[in-house]
Amino acid sequence: MTDTTAAIRFGEGPLARACALVYTLMVVEALFLLTAVPGLAGLVLLGRDATNVPLAALCLIPAGPALSAALYAVHHRRLDLTDLRPGAAFWRGYRLNLRGVVKLWIPWLLWMAVLGSNLAVAGAGGWWAVSSVVVAVVATLWVANALVITSLFAFRARDVARLAAYFLTRSPRASLGNACLLVLAAAVTLVASEVAMALLASVLASLLLLNSRTMIAEVRERFTT
């Protein structure tokens, strides 16, 4: 057996692929924290008070492009342990998607800030509170679809917005899976802290991509040439 053959088997085996995935997630997580840290630092300093909702939305602005870059890097990850470049993929995704992401991420944050502020004023009971929570959940599922689409494809922001809304009902299993991720993220944030959720960003990105496999395949087949 030659050294070359041994290297190929090492780089392409199941264990090597698992190690490649772990390494990719670790690098992507580190770069996510690096690019999102200005906002995350401010978010940690804010108290969990309803009056801080607009400031929390402001602090979360850097998280959108960072999460988009994480989605891009994980989606384009190399399976060969001897040929890993997650850092380069992350920065490429960040540069390519920055403008498109902020056009969708910032309006969503503004909408969440409005809903959160109104909910704080109205209180936790009544039809307005229930409807606000429902709208917030649907909007968050929409932005999850939008992040995946704009991170992996080159569409105009308004086309991404339409496709993200379309796939809310077109891919109900993906929407249900993303809803479960949303519940899990909310639980981690409430039980632990925003920092704990930030430390799981690369895992969240990989699970979001896993849920979105059908959507990604259909977008590629029907809406790209």
C-alpha atoms as a PDB file:
ATOM      1  CA  MET A   1       0.000   0.000   0.000  1.00  0.00           C
ATOM      2  CA  THR A   2       1.427   3.368  -1.014  1.00  0.00           C
ATOM      3  CA  ASP A   3       1.456   6.472   1.150  1.00  0.00           C
ATOM      4  CA  THR A   4      -0.841   8.187  -1.338  1.00  0.00           C
ATOM      5  CA  THR A   5      -3.442   5.404  -1.120  1.00  0.00           C
ATOM      6  CA  ALA A   6      -3.302   5.491   2.669  1.00  0.00           C
ATOM      7  CA  ALA A   7      -3.781   9.265   2.669  1.00  0.00           C
ATOM      8  CA  ILE A   8      -6.782   9.004   0.368  1.00  0.00           C
ATOM      9  CA  ARG A   9      -8.387   6.352   2.558  1.00  0.00           C
ATOM     10  CA  PHE A  10      -7.706   8.411   5.663  1.00  0.00           C
ATOM     11  CA  GLY A  11      -9.245  11.534   4.175  1.00  0.00           C
ATOM     12  CA  GLU A  12     -12.332   9.861   2.742  1.00  0.00           C
ATOM     13  CA  GLY A  13     -13.362   7.309   5.399  1.00  0.00           C
ATOM     14  CA  PRO A  14     -16.462   7.639   7.617  1.00  0.00           C
ATOM     15  CA  LEU A  15     -14.447   8.574  10.699  1.00  0.00           C
ATOM     16  CA  ALA A  16     -12.470  11.132   8.723  1.00  0.00           C
ATOM     17  CA  ARG A  17     -15.692  12.650   7.390  1.00  0.00           C
ATOM     18  CA  ALA A  18     -17.074  12.896  10.917  1.00  0.00           C
ATOM     19  CA  CYS A  19     -13.872  14.616  12.030  1.00  0.00           C
ATOM     20  CA  ALA A  20     -14.110  16.937   9.023  1.00  0.00           C
ATOM     21  CA  LEU A  21     -17.655  17.909  10.011  1.00  0.00           C
ATOM     22  CA  VAL A  22     -16.660  18.567  13.629  1.00  0.00           C
ATOM     23  CA  TYR A  23     -13.682  20.644  12.535  1.00  0.00           C
ATOM     24  CA  THR A  24     -15.833  22.623  10.099  1.00  0.00           C
ATOM     25  CA  LEU A  25     -18.458  23.350  12.767  1.00  0.00           C
ATOM     26  CA  MET A  26     -15.774  24.475  15.216  1.00  0.00           C
ATOM     27  CA  VAL A  27     -14.158  26.869  12.741  1.00  0.00           C
ATOM     28  CA  VAL A  28     -17.508  28.210  11.562  1.00  0.00           C
ATOM     29  CA  GLU A  29     -18.612  28.715  15.170  1.00  0.00           C
ATOM     30  CA  ALA A  30     -15.459  30.669  15.970  1.00  0.00           C
ATOM     31  CA  LEU A  31     -15.902  32.903  12.926  1.00  0.00           C
ATOM     32  CA  PHE A  32     -19.590  33.401  13.689  1.00  0.00           C
ATOM     33  CA  LEU A  33     -18.711  34.625  17.173  1.00  0.00           C
ATOM     34  CA  LEU A  34     -15.985  36.855  15.770  1.00  0.00           C
ATOM     35  CA  THR A  35     -18.303  38.580  13.283  1.00  0.00           C
ATOM     36  CA  ALA A  36     -21.302  38.761  15.616  1.00  0.00           C
ATOM     37  CA  VAL A  37     -19.453  39.703  18.800  1.00  0.00           C
ATOM     38  CA  PRO A  38     -20.142  43.492  18.649  1.00  0.00           C
ATOM     39  CA  GLY A  39     -23.856  42.889  18.857  1.00  0.00           C
ATOM     40  CA  LEU A  40     -23.628  39.880  21.165  1.00  0.00           C
ATOM     41  CA  ALA A  41     -21.614  41.882  23.689  1.00  0.00           C
ATOM     42  CA  GLY A  42     -24.317  44.532  23.815  1.00  0.00           C
ATOM     43  CA  LEU A  43     -27.022  41.881  24.037  1.00  0.00           C
ATOM     44  CA  VAL A  44     -25.393  40.295  27.080  1.00  0.00           C
ATOM     45  CA  LEU A  45     -25.222  43.655  28.844  1.00  0.00           C
ATOM     46  CA  LEU A  46     -28.928  44.319  28.298  1.00  0.00           C
ATOM     47  CA  GLY A  47     -31.309  43.219  31.003  1.00  0.00           C
ATOM     48  CA  ARG A  48     -34.294  41.022  30.197  1.00  0.00           C
ATOM     49  CA  ASP A  49     -36.688  43.936  30.279  1.00  0.00           C
ATOM     50  CA  ALA A  50     -39.410  44.640  27.740  1.00  0.00           C
ATOM     51  CA  THR A  51     -38.174  48.184  27.287  1.00  0.00           C
ATOM     52  CA  ASN A  52     -34.909  46.812  25.901  1.00  0.00           C
ATOM     53  CA  VAL A  53     -36.538  45.028  22.963  1.00  0.00           C
ATOM     54  CA  PRO A  54     -35.591  47.721  20.387  1.00  0.00           C
ATOM     55  CA  LEU A  55     -32.003  47.760  21.657  1.00  0.00           C
ATOM     56  CA  ALA A  56     -31.863  43.961  21.522  1.00  0.00           C
ATOM     57  CA  ALA A  57     -32.991  44.085  17.884  1.00  0.00           C
ATOM     58  CA  LEU A  58     -30.227  46.588  17.162  1.00  0.00           C
ATOM     59  CA  CYS A  59     -27.651  44.327  18.776  1.00  0.00           C
ATOM     60  CA  LEU A  60     -28.780  41.393  16.649  1.00  0.00           C
ATOM     61  CA  ILE A  61     -28.059  43.125  13.314  1.00  0.00           C
ATOM     62  CA  PRO A  62     -24.553  41.586  12.953  1.00  0.00           C
ATOM     63  CA  ALA A  63     -25.933  38.112  13.672  1.00  0.00           C
ATOM     64  CA  GLY A  64     -27.836  37.971  10.356  1.00  0.00           C
ATOM     65  CA  PRO A  65     -24.836  38.183   8.000  1.00  0.00           C
ATOM     66  CA  ALA A  66     -22.827  35.975  10.365  1.00  0.00           C
ATOM     67  CA  LEU A  67     -25.495  33.258  10.346  1.00  0.00           C
ATOM     68  CA  SER A  68     -25.791  33.526   6.563  1.00  0.00           C
ATOM     69  CA  ALA A  69     -22.030  33.014   6.207  1.00  0.00           C
ATOM     70  CA  ALA A  70     -22.266  30.016   8.544  1.00  0.00           C
ATOM     71  CA  LEU A  71     -25.017  28.508   6.378  1.00  0.00           C
ATOM     72  CA  TYR A  72     -22.902  29.044   3.267  1.00  0.00           C
ATOM     73  CA  ALA A  73     -19.778  27.521   4.833  1.00  0.00           C
ATOM     74  CA  VAL A  74     -21.532  24.452   6.238  1.00  0.00           C
ATOM     75  CA  HIS A  75     -23.389  23.860   2.958  1.00  0.00           C
ATOM     76  CA  HIS A  76     -20.147  24.069   0.954  1.00  0.00           C
ATOM     77  CA  ARG A  77     -18.054  22.102   3.423  1.00  0.00           C
ATOM     78  CA  ARG A  78     -15.454  19.650   2.135  1.00  0.00           C
ATOM     79  CA  LEU A  79     -15.914  15.982   3.036  1.00  0.00           C
ATOM     80  CA  ASP A  80     -12.225  15.154   2.675  1.00  0.00           C
ATOM     81  CA  LEU A  81     -10.344  15.668   5.943  1.00  0.00           C
ATOM     82  CA  THR A  82      -7.177  16.477   3.996  1.00  0.00           C
ATOM     83  CA  ASP A  83      -8.825  19.325   2.079  1.00  0.00           C
ATOM     84  CA  LEU A  84     -10.722  21.480   4.570  1.00  0.00           C
ATOM     85  CA  ARG A  85     -11.246  25.204   4.023  1.00  0.00           C
ATOM     86  CA  PRO A  86     -14.182  26.243   6.230  1.00  0.00           C
ATOM     87  CA  GLY A  87     -12.647  29.622   7.017  1.00  0.00           C
ATOM     88  CA  ALA A  88     -12.304  30.576   3.366  1.00  0.00           C
ATOM     89  CA  ALA A  89     -15.868  29.399   2.684  1.00  0.00           C
ATOM     90  CA  PHE A  90     -17.201  31.444   5.612  1.00  0.00           C
ATOM     91  CA  TRP A  91     -15.569  34.686   4.464  1.00  0.00           C
ATOM     92  CA  ARG A  92     -16.646  34.085   0.880  1.00  0.00           C
ATOM     93  CA  GLY A  93     -20.231  33.586   2.009  1.00  0.00           C
ATOM     94  CA  TYR A  94     -20.039  36.680   4.187  1.00  0.00           C
ATOM     95  CA  ARG A  95     -18.859  38.864   1.293  1.00  0.00           C
ATOM     96  CA  LEU A  96     -21.295  37.434  -1.244  1.00  0.00           C
ATOM     97  CA  ASN A  97     -24.398  37.549   0.946  1.00  0.00           C
ATOM     98  CA  LEU A  98     -23.914  40.633   3.122  1.00  0.00           C
ATOM     99  CA  ARG A  99     -25.998  43.065   1.064  1.00  0.00           C
ATOM    100  CA  GLY A 100     -28.769  40.587   0.316  1.00  0.00           C
ATOM    101  CA  VAL A 101     -29.066  39.420   3.914  1.00  0.00           C
ATOM    102  CA  VAL A 102     -29.342  42.852   5.531  1.00  0.00           C
ATOM    103  CA  LYS A 103     -32.217  43.749   3.157  1.00  0.00           C
ATOM    104  CA  LEU A 104     -34.232  40.928   4.727  1.00  0.00           C
ATOM    105  CA  TRP A 105     -32.751  40.633   8.208  1.00  0.00           C
ATOM    106  CA  ILE A 106     -33.147  44.263   9.294  1.00  0.00           C
ATOM    107  CA  PRO A 107     -36.850  44.550   8.295  1.00  0.00           C
ATOM    108  CA  TRP A 108     -37.510  41.310  10.179  1.00  0.00           C
ATOM    109  CA  LEU A 109     -35.740  42.657  13.262  1.00  0.00           C
ATOM    110  CA  LEU A 110     -37.739  45.882  13.067  1.00  0.00           C
ATOM    111  CA  TRP A 111     -40.954  43.894  12.847  1.00  0.00           C
ATOM    112  CA  MET A 112     -39.916  41.761  15.834  1.00  0.00           C
ATOM    113  CA  ALA A 113     -39.096  44.902  17.805  1.00  0.00           C
ATOM    114  CA  VAL A 114     -42.530  46.362  17.068  1.00  0.00           C
ATOM    115  CA  LEU A 115     -44.300  43.132  18.021  1.00  0.00           C
ATOM    116  CA  GLY A 116     -42.214  42.732  21.169  1.00  0.00           C
ATOM    117  CA  SER A 117     -42.824  46.295  22.292  1.00  0.00           C
ATOM    118  CA  ASN A 118     -46.559  46.071  21.638  1.00  0.00           C
ATOM    119  CA  LEU A 119     -46.731  42.737  23.432  1.00  0.00           C
ATOM    120  CA  ALA A 120     -44.981  44.236  26.454  1.00  0.00           C
ATOM    121  CA  VAL A 121     -47.503  47.068  26.564  1.00  0.00           C
ATOM    122  CA  ALA A 122     -50.556  44.840  26.007  1.00  0.00           C
ATOM    123  CA  GLY A 123     -49.484  42.215  28.525  1.00  0.00           C
ATOM    124  CA  ALA A 124     -49.312  38.443  28.271  1.00  0.00           C
ATOM    125  CA  GLY A 125     -53.053  37.817  28.062  1.00  0.00           C
ATOM    126  CA  GLY A 126     -55.782  38.465  25.524  1.00  0.00           C
ATOM    127  CA  TRP A 127     -56.242  37.951  21.823  1.00  0.00           C
ATOM    128  CA  TRP A 128     -53.689  40.625  20.898  1.00  0.00           C
ATOM    129  CA  ALA A 129     -50.915  38.784  22.751  1.00  0.00           C
ATOM    130  CA  VAL A 130     -51.803  35.464  21.130  1.00  0.00           C
ATOM    131  CA  SER A 131     -52.007  36.948  17.644  1.00  0.00           C
ATOM    132  CA  SER A 132     -48.695  38.777  18.162  1.00  0.00           C
ATOM    133  CA  VAL A 133     -46.955  35.549  19.141  1.00  0.00           C
ATOM    134  CA  VAL A 134     -48.402  33.736  16.118  1.00  0.00           C
ATOM    135  CA  VAL A 135     -47.285  36.508  13.765  1.00  0.00           C
ATOM    136  CA  ALA A 136     -43.814  36.512  15.352  1.00  0.00           C
ATOM    137  CA  VAL A 137     -43.462  32.746  14.915  1.00  0.00           C
ATOM    138  CA  VAL A 138     -44.583  32.851  11.262  1.00  0.00           C
ATOM    139  CA  ALA A 139     -42.250  35.780  10.577  1.00  0.00           C
ATOM    140  CA  THR A 140     -39.342  33.907  12.157  1.00  0.00           C
ATOM    141  CA  LEU A 141     -40.041  30.795  10.074  1.00  0.00           C
ATOM    142  CA  TRP A 142     -40.139  33.052   7.025  1.00  0.00           C
ATOM    143  CA  VAL A 143     -36.786  34.650   7.816  1.00  0.00           C
ATOM    144  CA  ALA A 144     -35.276  31.195   8.366  1.00  0.00           C
ATOM    145  CA  ASN A 145     -36.297  30.232   4.816  1.00  0.00           C
ATOM    146  CA  ALA A 146     -35.096  33.590   3.522  1.00  0.00           C
ATOM    147  CA  LEU A 147     -31.675  33.171   5.152  1.00  0.00           C
ATOM    148  CA  VAL A 148     -31.186  29.747   3.613  1.00  0.00           C
ATOM    149  CA  ILE A 149     -32.259  30.876   0.136  1.00  0.00           C
ATOM    150  CA  THR A 150     -30.273  34.111   0.065  1.00  0.00           C
ATOM    151  CA  SER A 151     -27.203  32.348   1.504  1.00  0.00           C
ATOM    152  CA  LEU A 152     -27.103  29.680  -1.198  1.00  0.00           C
ATOM    153  CA  PHE A 153     -28.618  31.384  -4.256  1.00  0.00           C
ATOM    154  CA  ALA A 154     -28.233  34.699  -6.074  1.00  0.00           C
ATOM    155  CA  PHE A 155     -31.761  36.151  -6.155  1.00  0.00           C
ATOM    156  CA  ARG A 156     -33.061  39.655  -5.656  1.00  0.00           C
ATOM    157  CA  ALA A 157     -34.248  40.401  -2.131  1.00  0.00           C
ATOM    158  CA  ARG A 158     -37.905  40.670  -3.152  1.00  0.00           C
ATOM    159  CA  ASP A 159     -37.710  37.312  -4.971  1.00  0.00           C
ATOM    160  CA  VAL A 160     -36.140  35.733  -1.892  1.00  0.00           C
ATOM    161  CA  ALA A 161     -38.957  37.166   0.229  1.00  0.00           C
ATOM    162  CA  ARG A 162     -41.576  35.649  -2.074  1.00  0.00           C
ATOM    163  CA  LEU A 163     -39.880  32.261  -2.225  1.00  0.00           C
ATOM    164  CA  ALA A 164     -39.463  32.186   1.559  1.00  0.00           C
ATOM    165  CA  ALA A 165     -43.193  32.842   2.007  1.00  0.00           C
ATOM    166  CA  TYR A 166     -44.088  30.305  -0.692  1.00  0.00           C
ATOM    167  CA  PHE A 167     -42.120  27.513   0.957  1.00  0.00           C
ATOM    168  CA  LEU A 168     -43.768  28.061   4.342  1.00  0.00           C
ATOM    169  CA  THR A 169     -46.699  26.017   3.054  1.00  0.00           C
ATOM    170  CA  ARG A 170     -44.981  24.274   0.154  1.00  0.00           C
ATOM    171  CA  SER A 171     -42.607  22.465   2.551  1.00  0.00           C
ATOM    172  CA  PRO A 172     -44.662  21.887   5.723  1.00  0.00           C
ATOM    173  CA  ARG A 173     -42.189  19.339   7.109  1.00  0.00           C
ATOM    174  CA  ALA A 174     -39.374  21.877   6.829  1.00  0.00           C
ATOM    175  CA  SER A 175     -41.534  24.518   8.506  1.00  0.00           C
ATOM    176  CA  LEU A 176     -42.386  22.098  11.323  1.00  0.00           C
ATOM    177  CA  GLY A 177     -38.727  21.202  11.740  1.00  0.00           C
ATOM    178  CA  ASN A 178     -37.745  24.862  11.847  1.00  0.00           C
ATOM    179  CA  ALA A 179     -40.513  25.513  14.370  1.00  0.00           C
ATOM    180  CA  CYS A 180     -38.977  22.833  16.591  1.00  0.00           C
ATOM    181  CA  LEU A 181     -35.593  24.530  16.215  1.00  0.00           C
ATOM    182  CA  LEU A 182     -37.216  27.829  17.195  1.00  0.00           C
ATOM    183  CA  VAL A 183     -38.696  26.281  20.339  1.00  0.00           C
ATOM    184  CA  LEU A 184     -35.330  24.721  21.189  1.00  0.00           C
ATOM    185  CA  ALA A 185     -33.505  28.032  20.651  1.00  0.00           C
ATOM    186  CA  ALA A 186     -36.023  29.872  22.836  1.00  0.00           C
ATOM    187  CA  ALA A 187     -35.705  27.243  25.567  1.00  0.00           C
ATOM    188  CA  VAL A 188     -31.887  27.397  25.543  1.00  0.00           C
ATOM    189  CA  THR A 189     -31.983  31.188  25.696  1.00  0.00           C
ATOM    190  CA  LEU A 190     -34.471  31.270  28.563  1.00  0.00           C
ATOM    191  CA  VAL A 191     -32.869  28.506  30.620  1.00  0.00           C
ATOM    192  CA  ALA A 192     -29.271  29.503  29.979  1.00  0.00           C
ATOM    193  CA  SER A 193     -28.534  32.754  28.151  1.00  0.00           C
ATOM    194  CA  GLU A 194     -28.090  34.369  24.762  1.00  0.00           C
ATOM    195  CA  VAL A 195     -24.412  33.392  24.939  1.00  0.00           C
ATOM    196  CA  ALA A 196     -25.302  29.699  25.136  1.00  0.00           C
ATOM    197  CA  MET A 197     -27.417  30.024  21.997  1.00  0.00           C
ATOM    198  CA  ALA A 198     -24.635  31.883  20.211  1.00  0.00           C
ATOM    199  CA  LEU A 199     -22.242  29.043  21.041  1.00  0.00           C
ATOM    200  CA  LEU A 200     -24.546  26.664  19.169  1.00  0.00           C
ATOM    201  CA  ALA A 201     -24.834  28.814  16.035  1.00  0.00           C
ATOM    202  CA  SER A 202     -22.925  26.438  13.744  1.00  0.00           C
ATOM    203  CA  VAL A 203     -25.008  23.476  14.946  1.00  0.00           C
ATOM    204  CA  LEU A 204     -28.160  25.526  14.382  1.00  0.00           C
ATOM    205  CA  ALA A 205     -26.982  26.327  10.853  1.00  0.00           C
ATOM    206  CA  SER A 206     -26.370  22.659  10.063  1.00  0.00           C
ATOM    207  CA  LEU A 207     -29.803  21.642  11.411  1.00  0.00           C
ATOM    208  CA  LEU A 208     -31.471  24.439   9.474  1.00  0.00           C
ATOM    209  CA  LEU A 209     -29.816  23.214   6.282  1.00  0.00           C
ATOM    210  CA  LEU A 210     -30.889  19.661   7.096  1.00  0.00           C
ATOM    211  CA  ASN A 211     -34.513  20.754   7.500  1.00  0.00           C
ATOM    212  CA  SER A 212     -34.320  22.756   4.275  1.00  0.00           C
ATOM    213  CA  ARG A 213     -33.005  20.002   1.984  1.00  0.00           C
ATOM    214  CA  THR A 214     -36.284  19.672   0.074  1.00  0.00           C
ATOM    215  CA  MET A 215     -36.625  23.434  -0.332  1.00  0.00           C
ATOM    216  CA  ILE A 216     -33.032  23.814  -1.505  1.00  0.00           C
ATOM    217  CA  ALA A 217     -33.451  21.049  -4.058  1.00  0.00           C
ATOM    218  CA  GLU A 218     -36.677  22.526  -5.420  1.00  0.00           C
ATOM    219  CA  VAL A 219     -35.258  26.034  -5.631  1.00  0.00           C
ATOM    220  CA  ARG A 220     -32.265  24.689  -7.548  1.00  0.00           C
ATOM    221  CA  GLU A 221     -34.437  22.625  -9.890  1.00  0.00           C
ATOM    222  CA  ARG A 222     -37.287  25.057 -10.563  1.00  0.00           C
ATOM    223  CA  PHE A 223     -35.928  28.544 -10.071  1.00  0.00           C
ATOM    224  CA  THR A 224     -32.342  28.398 -11.313  1.00  0.00           C
ATOM    225  CA  THR A 225     -30.964  27.764 -14.772  1.00  0.00           C
END
